[in-house]
Amino acid sequence: MPIRMLNSSVAPICPTSRSQVPISRPAPLIAIARPTDLPSAIRAINQLISIYNNPVQNNTVEFSYLPDWNEIHRDTTVVRVTNPQDKEMWVDVERITNLVFQDRSTDQLFQWEY
């Protein structure tokens, strides 16, 4: 059910029926102290050699499978939001109160309640 505004325009609706792949982030940068003398230069070079020989893994999670969620049930309520300065200005918003998803491959249920 779309959200109706006072001027009869309709707010956009976002579909929730597709599964989402986890977002991967690049590994954080490694700080190496700037060498100021021979011992600190040797230490920095050894750190660079260690980084080169043992690269840092990306911090993504490897899943044996990615869940494929399918929405099977949704409960909503309509809430009226008013302007505190002018009670004549209001909008009715459809708020999701309960969502139930099911994984297509494992039949596992996920329930979210507001």
Protein backbone atom coordinates (compact mmCIF):
# COMPACT_ATOMS: atom_id res chain seq x y z
CA MET A 1 0.00 0.00 0.00
CA PRO A 2 1.63 3.28 -1.07
CA ILE A 3 1.92 6.25 1.24
CA ARG A 4 -0.58 9.00 0.31
CA MET A 5 0.38 12.64 0.84
CA LEU A 6 -1.96 15.60 1.29
CA ASN A 7 -1.45 16.68 -2.31
CA SER A 8 -2.37 13.16 -3.58
CA SER A 9 1.18 12.33 -4.57
CA VAL A 10 2.46 8.85 -3.79
CA ALA A 11 5.73 8.10 -1.98
CA PRO A 12 8.06 5.50 -3.56
CA ILE A 13 7.97 1.90 -2.33
CA CYS A 14 11.14 -0.15 -1.90
CA PRO A 15 10.84 -3.87 -2.80
CA THR A 16 12.10 -6.27 -0.12
CA SER A 17 11.78 -9.58 -1.93
CA ARG A 18 15.39 -9.91 -3.14
CA SER A 19 18.20 -11.39 -1.05
CA GLN A 20 21.24 -9.24 -0.39
CA VAL A 21 24.89 -10.18 -0.67
CA PRO A 22 27.10 -9.10 2.27
CA ILE A 23 29.13 -5.99 1.47
CA SER A 24 32.88 -6.50 1.53
CA ARG A 25 35.29 -3.82 2.69
CA PRO A 26 38.98 -3.49 1.88
CA ALA A 27 41.47 -4.32 4.58
CA PRO A 28 42.59 -1.38 6.74
CA LEU A 29 45.85 0.32 5.88
CA ILE A 30 48.85 -0.79 7.91
CA ALA A 31 50.79 1.99 9.59
CA ILE A 32 54.57 1.77 9.50
CA ALA A 33 56.56 4.26 11.53
CA ARG A 34 58.80 6.57 9.50
CA PRO A 35 62.41 5.56 10.14
CA THR A 36 64.65 8.18 11.70
CA ASP A 37 67.82 6.18 12.27
CA LEU A 38 69.39 2.85 11.24
CA PRO A 39 67.55 0.60 13.79
CA SER A 40 64.16 2.11 12.96
CA ALA A 41 64.91 1.80 9.20
CA ILE A 42 65.77 -1.89 9.65
CA ARG A 43 62.55 -2.38 11.65
CA ALA A 44 60.47 -0.65 8.92
CA ILE A 45 62.12 -2.75 6.19
CA ASN A 46 61.42 -5.94 8.16
CA GLN A 47 57.77 -4.89 8.52
CA LEU A 48 57.52 -4.28 4.77
CA ILE A 49 59.09 -7.70 4.06
CA SER A 50 56.64 -9.32 6.49
CA ILE A 51 53.67 -7.60 4.83
CA TYR A 52 54.90 -8.58 1.38
CA ASN A 53 55.39 -12.24 2.35
CA ASN A 54 52.14 -12.51 4.39
CA PRO A 55 49.52 -10.32 2.71
CA VAL A 56 46.60 -9.22 4.87
CA GLN A 57 43.36 -11.00 4.03
CA ASN A 58 40.26 -9.00 3.21
CA ASN A 59 37.85 -8.95 6.13
CA THR A 60 35.00 -10.50 4.17
CA VAL A 61 33.16 -13.52 5.47
CA GLU A 62 33.26 -16.62 3.29
CA PHE A 63 29.92 -18.42 3.39
CA SER A 64 29.40 -21.98 2.23
CA TYR A 65 26.20 -20.66 0.67
CA LEU A 66 24.43 -17.32 0.50
CA PRO A 67 20.92 -17.27 1.96
CA ASP A 68 18.12 -16.70 -0.51
CA TRP A 69 15.37 -15.07 1.56
CA ASN A 70 11.80 -14.91 0.36
CA GLU A 71 9.22 -12.74 2.14
CA ILE A 72 6.27 -14.91 3.20
CA HIS A 73 4.32 -12.64 5.56
CA ARG A 74 4.03 -8.94 6.47
CA ASP A 75 1.90 -7.06 9.03
CA THR A 76 1.55 -3.30 8.85
CA THR A 77 -0.20 -0.50 10.69
CA VAL A 78 -1.03 3.01 9.54
CA VAL A 79 0.44 5.74 11.74
CA ARG A 80 -0.49 9.40 11.41
CA VAL A 81 2.47 11.77 11.70
CA THR A 82 1.58 15.40 12.38
CA ASN A 83 3.50 18.63 12.36
CA PRO A 84 3.97 19.72 16.03
CA GLN A 85 3.51 23.40 15.09
CA ASP A 86 0.44 22.85 12.89
CA LYS A 87 -1.89 19.93 13.63
CA GLU A 88 -3.62 20.47 10.27
CA MET A 89 -0.47 19.21 8.51
CA TRP A 90 -0.24 15.44 8.67
CA VAL A 91 0.60 12.36 6.64
CA ASP A 92 -0.47 8.75 7.08
CA VAL A 93 2.49 6.36 6.97
CA GLU A 94 2.24 2.61 6.59
CA ARG A 95 4.68 1.10 9.12
CA ILE A 96 5.83 -2.53 9.01
CA THR A 97 5.24 -4.19 12.39
CA ASN A 98 6.13 -7.80 11.54
CA LEU A 99 8.07 -9.46 8.72
CA VAL A 100 8.64 -13.16 8.15
CA PHE A 101 11.20 -14.43 5.65
CA GLN A 102 12.03 -18.00 4.63
CA ASP A 103 15.29 -19.25 3.15
CA ARG A 104 14.48 -21.05 -0.09
CA SER A 105 17.27 -23.61 0.24
CA THR A 106 17.02 -24.52 3.94
CA ASP A 107 13.39 -23.52 4.76
CA GLN A 108 14.75 -21.64 7.79
CA LEU A 109 12.47 -18.84 9.02
CA PHE A 110 13.55 -15.34 10.03
CA GLN A 111 11.02 -13.20 11.89
CA TRP A 112 11.41 -9.48 12.59
CA GLU A 113 9.04 -7.61 14.89
CA TYR A 114 8.90 -3.89 15.52
